[in-house]
């Protein structure tokens, strides 16, 4: 299978070393990795187009949905997950823990308050209470696993979508 590797790992200072290790790990599982760093594009529009093309070419998407610059996953990764889901591709999202979203928001943003409608964050906005580790729009359509890329690889379906 061709696997698109989504996530904020491309922002790491050792991103090329990470990509080489991720490609090698995918090969051990018998798959080919498509990494956003594979493109020669240098401008935003070119990078976007290249990533979209890789997602379209992929049989599945593995997405690092760990916290990135706050309590939520990287917004670009969330978009890539949604795009892959819209294309009917299997998505495996991986997280370091299964911590419920409300607990993560509390850890990042401070205590939540209770009103007649449920929990509110410090800005007075409602917080989902489904016990999911992510917003329902990621946690429901994607298969979420706790662990790293190797755990996500082990959770892949045996056949690509439509295969």
Foldseek 3Di string as FASTA:
>chain_A
DEEEEAAPLCVDPPSVVVVVVLQVLQVVLVYGYDYLVPDPDDDPVRSVVSSLVSLVVGLAYEYAFEDDPFLGGDPVSVVSLVSSVVVVWAYEYEYQDFAASQVSCCVGQNDWDADPVGTATPVRDDDDDPSGNHPCVRPVRHHYDHDDPNVSSVPDDPDGVVD
